[in-house]
Amino acid sequence: MGEDVLPDREKLIASKHELSGTELFGVDLSGADLSGANLVKTRLTEADLSGANLKGADLAGADLIRTNLSNADLTGANLEKTVFNSALLDGAKLTGTFCKGALFSWSSAVKVDFRDAILTQASMNEARIRECNFVGATLEDVNFDLSNLQDCDFGEANLRAAYLNGSNLVGANLKKANLQEAYLVQANLSGQDLTDVNLKESDLSRANLVGANLTGVDLSGAKLTETKLKQANLEGVDLSRANLLEANFTGANLKKAILKKAILSDTNLKNARLDEADLRDVDLRFVDNLEAKQIEKAITDENTLLPPGL
């Protein structure tokens, strides 16, 4: 059959290297081989690309709003400033992709492989991002606000200065992740193992850390105002210069924790364990529920200020 009578779909696939800027609204390219395709600034709104091979394709600035990319393979693709808002990405492979400034807001990304992807300054707010693999990914300054990140793997991922406000991180693996200067206001991290996580200077205000394991974590300079830390394990944690205003440490383990120059006011220390905790240069006059027996084995100095009667 001559090329002049090929179906539109086959024509598109045959000319995949010349599709830059093309209007392809609603096109069906499911299962198509578009590897290495030039789709720069192409409009693929509401297209069907499910199961498509897009390895090494250039989709920079492309419009994939409400596009079906389920089970598509985009390994090594250029996705800089690509718009995936409200797209379906379940089961897709984005390993090693360059996604700087890409938009994934309100999208569904369940079991997506983002390993080693560069997602700096990408927006994933209010997205459904469950059971995704972000191991080794660069996620600096990414916006995950209000996203469901349940059971995602962020092992060794760089999340420095990322926005995770109101996000659900229950069941997520954050081992050796870098969350320095990250924004985790009202994030749900209850019961999480956060050992080996860098949380230095992060904002965990009003976050839920009930029962979390933070053994040895660096929280120096962090903001934990009104944070829920009931029954959390904070043994050996560095909380120097941290803002602990109205934080709740009921029943928490603060053994050997460093609280030097931390701000404690209306902080609930009921039944908190403070053995060998460094309380030098700490003002404890305005904390709640602190008893003398709790600080008998703590490290204090002449600059440690105690509540009246202690």
Protein backbone atom coordinates (compact mmCIF):
# COMPACT_ATOMS: atom_id res chain seq x y z
CA MET A 1 0.00 0.00 0.00
CA GLY A 2 1.46 3.38 -0.99
CA GLU A 3 2.36 6.00 1.55
CA ASP A 4 -0.31 8.37 0.20
CA VAL A 5 -3.09 6.06 1.38
CA LEU A 6 -1.61 5.09 4.79
CA PRO A 7 -3.99 5.64 7.70
CA ASP A 8 -3.40 8.84 9.68
CA ARG A 9 -2.04 6.87 12.62
CA GLU A 10 0.59 5.14 10.51
CA LYS A 11 1.53 8.40 8.83
CA LEU A 12 2.09 10.02 12.19
CA ILE A 13 4.27 7.16 13.41
CA ALA A 14 6.27 7.19 10.17
CA SER A 15 6.89 10.94 10.50
CA LYS A 16 7.68 10.81 14.25
CA HIS A 17 10.89 12.81 13.80
CA GLU A 18 8.97 15.73 12.28
CA LEU A 19 6.07 16.25 14.68
CA SER A 20 7.35 19.29 16.54
CA GLY A 21 4.59 21.83 17.16
CA THR A 22 1.92 19.61 15.59
CA GLU A 23 -1.73 19.74 16.69
CA LEU A 24 -2.61 16.16 17.73
CA PHE A 25 -5.58 16.70 20.02
CA GLY A 26 -7.22 13.40 21.01
CA VAL A 27 -5.13 11.28 18.65
CA ASP A 28 -4.89 7.52 19.26
CA LEU A 29 -1.23 6.47 19.37
CA SER A 30 -1.65 3.70 21.91
CA GLY A 31 1.13 1.12 21.68
CA ALA A 32 2.92 3.14 18.98
CA ASP A 33 6.69 3.11 18.53
CA LEU A 34 7.59 6.78 19.03
CA SER A 35 11.09 6.19 20.31
CA GLY A 36 13.34 9.18 19.57
CA ALA A 37 10.36 11.18 18.28
CA ASN A 38 10.51 14.96 17.98
CA LEU A 39 7.41 16.12 19.85
CA VAL A 40 8.71 19.48 21.08
CA LYS A 41 5.76 21.75 21.91
CA THR A 42 3.36 19.29 20.28
CA ARG A 43 -0.24 19.45 21.48
CA LEU A 44 -1.29 15.97 22.58
CA THR A 45 -4.18 17.00 24.81
CA GLU A 46 -6.48 14.06 25.62
CA ALA A 47 -4.45 11.79 23.33
CA ASP A 48 -4.12 8.06 23.96
CA LEU A 49 -0.46 7.14 24.36
CA SER A 50 -1.05 4.17 26.61
CA GLY A 51 1.64 1.53 26.19
CA ALA A 52 3.52 3.70 23.69
CA ASN A 53 7.30 3.49 23.28
CA LEU A 54 8.61 7.02 23.84
CA LYS A 55 12.17 6.13 24.81
CA GLY A 56 14.53 9.03 24.18
CA ALA A 57 11.72 11.16 22.72
CA ASP A 58 11.88 14.95 22.96
CA LEU A 59 8.64 16.23 24.48
CA ALA A 60 9.97 19.53 25.84
CA GLY A 61 7.13 22.00 26.28
CA ALA A 62 4.56 19.53 24.93
CA ASP A 63 0.93 19.67 26.08
CA LEU A 64 -0.23 16.32 27.49
CA ILE A 65 -3.14 17.58 29.56
CA ARG A 66 -5.61 14.75 30.32
CA THR A 67 -3.51 12.43 28.14
CA ASN A 68 -3.47 8.68 28.75
CA LEU A 69 0.15 7.59 29.25
CA SER A 70 -0.56 4.49 31.30
CA ASN A 71 2.18 1.87 30.90
CA ALA A 72 4.04 4.07 28.40
CA ASP A 73 7.86 3.88 28.32
CA LEU A 74 9.50 7.33 28.42
CA THR A 75 12.94 6.18 29.54
CA GLY A 76 15.53 8.89 28.93
CA ALA A 77 12.99 11.28 27.38
CA ASN A 78 13.35 15.07 27.50
CA LEU A 79 10.31 16.32 29.42
CA GLU A 80 11.48 19.81 30.31
CA LYS A 81 8.46 22.03 31.00
CA THR A 82 6.12 19.35 29.62
CA VAL A 83 2.54 19.71 30.89
CA PHE A 84 1.03 16.49 32.30
CA ASN A 85 -1.74 18.13 34.33
CA SER A 86 -4.64 15.70 34.98
CA ALA A 87 -2.87 13.04 32.90
CA LEU A 88 -3.04 9.30 33.56
CA LEU A 89 0.48 7.95 34.11
CA ASP A 90 -0.22 4.75 36.03
CA GLY A 91 2.45 2.12 35.38
CA ALA A 92 4.52 4.42 33.14
CA LYS A 93 8.32 4.32 33.05
CA LEU A 94 10.13 7.67 33.38
CA THR A 95 13.54 6.36 34.39
CA GLY A 96 16.36 8.84 33.78
CA THR A 97 14.06 11.48 32.28
CA PHE A 98 14.80 15.21 32.35
CA CYS A 99 11.65 16.79 33.80
CA LYS A 100 12.85 20.18 35.02
CA GLY A 101 9.85 22.50 35.42
CA ALA A 102 7.37 19.85 34.23
CA LEU A 103 3.77 20.06 35.46
CA PHE A 104 2.09 16.95 36.89
CA SER A 105 -0.61 18.66 38.97
CA TRP A 106 -3.80 16.64 39.60
CA SER A 107 -2.38 13.71 37.64
CA SER A 108 -2.63 10.03 38.57
CA ALA A 109 0.79 8.39 38.85
CA VAL A 110 0.45 5.00 40.52
CA LYS A 111 3.46 2.65 40.36
CA VAL A 112 5.42 4.99 38.08
CA ASP A 113 9.20 4.47 37.80
CA PHE A 114 10.95 7.83 38.32
CA ARG A 115 14.35 6.36 39.23
CA ASP A 116 17.24 8.76 38.63
CA ALA A 117 14.91 11.29 36.99
CA ILE A 118 15.67 15.00 37.25
CA LEU A 119 12.48 16.71 38.44
CA THR A 120 13.90 19.98 39.73
CA GLN A 121 11.18 22.66 40.07
CA ALA A 122 8.48 20.28 38.79
CA SER A 123 4.92 20.67 40.11
CA MET A 124 3.13 17.57 41.42
CA ASN A 125 0.71 19.26 43.78
CA GLU A 126 -2.60 17.57 44.56
CA ALA A 127 -1.53 14.55 42.51
CA ARG A 128 -2.19 10.89 43.27
CA ILE A 129 1.36 9.54 43.42
CA ARG A 130 1.21 6.15 45.11
CA GLU A 131 3.81 3.37 45.14
CA CYS A 132 6.15 5.29 42.83
CA ASN A 133 9.90 4.69 42.68
CA PHE A 134 11.93 7.90 43.15
CA VAL A 135 15.18 6.20 44.18
CA GLY A 136 18.13 8.44 43.32
CA ALA A 137 15.87 11.09 41.76
CA THR A 138 16.66 14.82 41.93
CA LEU A 139 13.58 16.50 43.42
CA GLU A 140 14.94 19.85 44.55
CA ASP A 141 12.29 22.55 44.84
CA VAL A 142 9.54 20.16 43.62
CA ASN A 143 5.98 21.01 44.63
CA PHE A 144 4.26 17.97 46.18
CA ASP A 145 1.79 20.05 48.23
CA LEU A 146 -1.37 18.12 49.20
CA SER A 147 -0.26 15.05 47.26
CA ASN A 148 -0.85 11.46 48.29
CA LEU A 149 2.66 9.95 48.35
CA GLN A 150 1.69 6.81 50.19
CA ASP A 151 4.13 3.91 49.89
CA CYS A 152 6.47 5.76 47.50
CA ASP A 153 10.20 4.97 47.56
CA PHE A 154 12.33 8.10 48.02
CA GLY A 155 15.49 6.23 49.02
CA GLU A 156 18.56 8.49 48.57
CA ALA A 157 16.43 11.04 46.68
CA ASN A 158 17.37 14.72 46.84
CA LEU A 159 14.29 16.59 48.12
CA ARG A 160 16.11 19.70 49.28
CA ALA A 161 13.73 22.68 49.61
CA ALA A 162 10.87 20.55 48.23
CA TYR A 163 7.27 21.50 49.07
CA LEU A 164 5.45 18.66 50.83
CA ASN A 165 2.90 20.69 52.77
CA GLY A 166 -0.16 18.64 53.66
CA SER A 167 1.20 15.59 51.85
CA ASN A 168 0.59 12.02 52.97
CA LEU A 169 3.90 10.16 53.37
CA VAL A 170 2.60 7.21 55.37
CA GLY A 171 4.45 4.06 54.32
CA ALA A 172 6.95 5.98 52.16
CA ASN A 173 10.62 4.96 52.22
CA LEU A 174 12.77 8.02 52.98
CA LYS A 175 15.99 6.21 53.86
CA LYS A 176 18.99 8.51 53.30
CA ALA A 177 16.75 11.09 51.59
CA ASN A 178 17.82 14.73 51.71
CA LEU A 179 14.97 16.88 53.06
CA GLN A 180 17.10 19.81 54.17
CA GLU A 181 15.12 23.06 54.09
CA ALA A 182 12.03 21.13 52.89
CA TYR A 183 8.52 22.38 53.67
CA LEU A 184 6.50 19.69 55.45
CA VAL A 185 3.80 21.78 57.13
CA GLN A 186 0.90 19.52 58.20
CA ALA A 187 2.51 16.54 56.43
CA ASN A 188 1.56 13.08 57.68
CA LEU A 189 4.70 11.16 58.73
CA SER A 190 3.14 9.19 61.54
CA GLY A 191 4.95 5.96 62.36
CA GLN A 192 7.62 6.64 59.76
CA ASP A 193 11.24 5.47 60.05
CA LEU A 194 13.17 8.69 59.42
CA THR A 195 16.59 7.53 60.55
CA ASP A 196 19.37 8.67 58.18
CA VAL A 197 17.10 11.42 56.79
CA ASN A 198 18.50 14.96 56.61
CA LEU A 199 15.83 17.29 58.00
CA LYS A 200 18.13 20.16 58.90
CA GLU A 201 16.36 23.55 58.80
CA SER A 202 13.16 21.92 57.48
CA ASP A 203 9.68 23.22 58.35
CA LEU A 204 7.64 20.50 60.10
CA SER A 205 5.12 22.85 61.67
CA ARG A 206 1.87 21.07 62.62
CA ALA A 207 3.16 17.88 61.01
CA ASN A 208 2.07 14.49 62.35
CA LEU A 209 5.14 12.59 63.62
CA VAL A 210 3.32 10.50 66.20
CA GLY A 211 5.29 7.30 66.83
CA ALA A 212 7.93 8.20 64.23
CA ASN A 213 11.52 6.98 64.57
CA LEU A 214 13.90 9.94 64.30
CA THR A 215 16.89 8.38 66.05
CA GLY A 216 20.02 10.43 65.41
CA VAL A 217 18.35 12.73 62.86
CA ASP A 218 19.70 16.26 62.28
CA LEU A 219 16.83 18.67 63.02
CA SER A 220 19.05 21.61 63.90
CA GLY A 221 17.39 24.89 63.06
CA ALA A 222 14.18 23.10 62.09
CA LYS A 223 10.71 24.50 62.73
CA LEU A 224 8.45 22.16 64.71
CA THR A 225 5.80 24.55 66.00
CA GLU A 226 2.63 22.70 67.05
CA THR A 227 4.16 19.46 65.74
CA LYS A 228 2.73 16.18 67.04
CA LEU A 229 5.60 14.04 68.37
CA LYS A 230 3.74 11.87 70.86
CA GLN A 231 5.59 8.59 71.54
CA ALA A 232 8.20 9.47 68.91
CA ASN A 233 11.76 8.17 69.25
CA LEU A 234 14.13 11.15 69.15
CA GLU A 235 17.12 9.57 70.84
CA GLY A 236 20.30 11.43 69.93
CA VAL A 237 18.43 13.90 67.71
CA ASP A 238 20.03 17.30 67.11
CA LEU A 239 17.36 19.91 67.93
CA SER A 240 19.78 22.75 68.54
CA ARG A 241 18.26 26.12 67.55
CA ALA A 242 15.00 24.36 66.61
CA ASN A 243 11.67 26.12 67.16
CA LEU A 244 9.58 23.81 69.37
CA LEU A 245 6.82 26.27 70.22
CA GLU A 246 3.67 24.33 71.29
CA ALA A 247 5.14 21.03 70.09
CA ASN A 248 3.75 17.92 71.77
CA PHE A 249 6.45 15.50 73.04
CA THR A 250 4.16 13.47 75.29
CA GLY A 251 5.87 10.16 76.04
CA ALA A 252 8.62 10.86 73.51
CA ASN A 253 12.15 9.54 73.92
CA LEU A 254 14.58 12.49 73.94
CA LYS A 255 17.48 10.61 75.50
CA LYS A 256 20.81 12.19 74.50
CA ALA A 257 18.97 14.71 72.32
CA ILE A 258 20.69 18.06 71.77
CA LEU A 259 18.36 20.97 72.56
CA LYS A 260 20.96 23.68 72.97
CA LYS A 261 19.44 27.10 72.21
CA ALA A 262 16.16 25.50 71.11
CA ILE A 263 12.97 27.53 71.59
CA LEU A 264 10.57 25.82 74.02
CA SER A 265 7.40 27.66 74.96
CA ASP A 266 4.07 25.96 75.70
CA THR A 267 5.92 22.79 74.70
CA ASN A 268 4.33 19.66 76.16
CA LEU A 269 6.99 17.44 77.79
CA LYS A 270 4.64 15.15 79.69
CA ASN A 271 6.43 11.88 80.45
CA ALA A 272 9.12 12.70 77.90
CA ARG A 273 12.42 10.95 78.57
CA LEU A 274 15.27 13.47 78.93
CA ASP A 275 18.12 11.30 80.24
CA GLU A 276 21.46 12.74 79.12
CA ALA A 277 19.66 15.30 76.96
CA ASP A 278 21.74 18.44 76.37
CA LEU A 279 19.72 21.27 77.92
CA ARG A 280 22.53 23.78 78.14
CA ASP A 281 21.52 27.33 77.31
CA VAL A 282 17.83 26.27 77.12
CA ASP A 283 14.94 28.25 78.59
CA LEU A 284 12.47 25.76 80.08
CA ARG A 285 10.49 28.25 82.15
CA PHE A 286 7.44 28.15 79.89
CA VAL A 287 7.19 24.45 79.03
CA ASP A 288 4.23 22.33 80.12
CA ASN A 289 4.17 19.20 82.29
CA LEU A 290 7.88 19.03 83.12
CA GLU A 291 8.74 17.24 86.36
CA ALA A 292 11.97 17.41 88.35
CA LYS A 293 12.65 13.68 87.93
CA GLN A 294 12.73 14.09 84.15
CA ILE A 295 15.80 16.33 84.22
CA GLU A 296 17.76 14.61 87.02
CA LYS A 297 20.04 12.96 84.47
CA ALA A 298 19.94 15.73 81.87
CA ILE A 299 22.94 17.93 81.03
CA THR A 300 22.36 21.48 82.22
CA ASP A 301 24.46 24.58 82.92
CA GLU A 302 24.10 28.02 84.50
CA ASN A 303 22.19 29.19 81.41
CA THR A 304 19.52 26.49 81.75
CA LEU A 305 16.38 28.22 83.01
CA LEU A 306 13.87 25.98 84.84
CA PRO A 307 10.16 26.48 85.58
CA PRO A 308 9.31 27.88 89.02
CA GLY A 309 9.55 25.18 91.69
CA LEU A 310 12.03 22.95 89.87
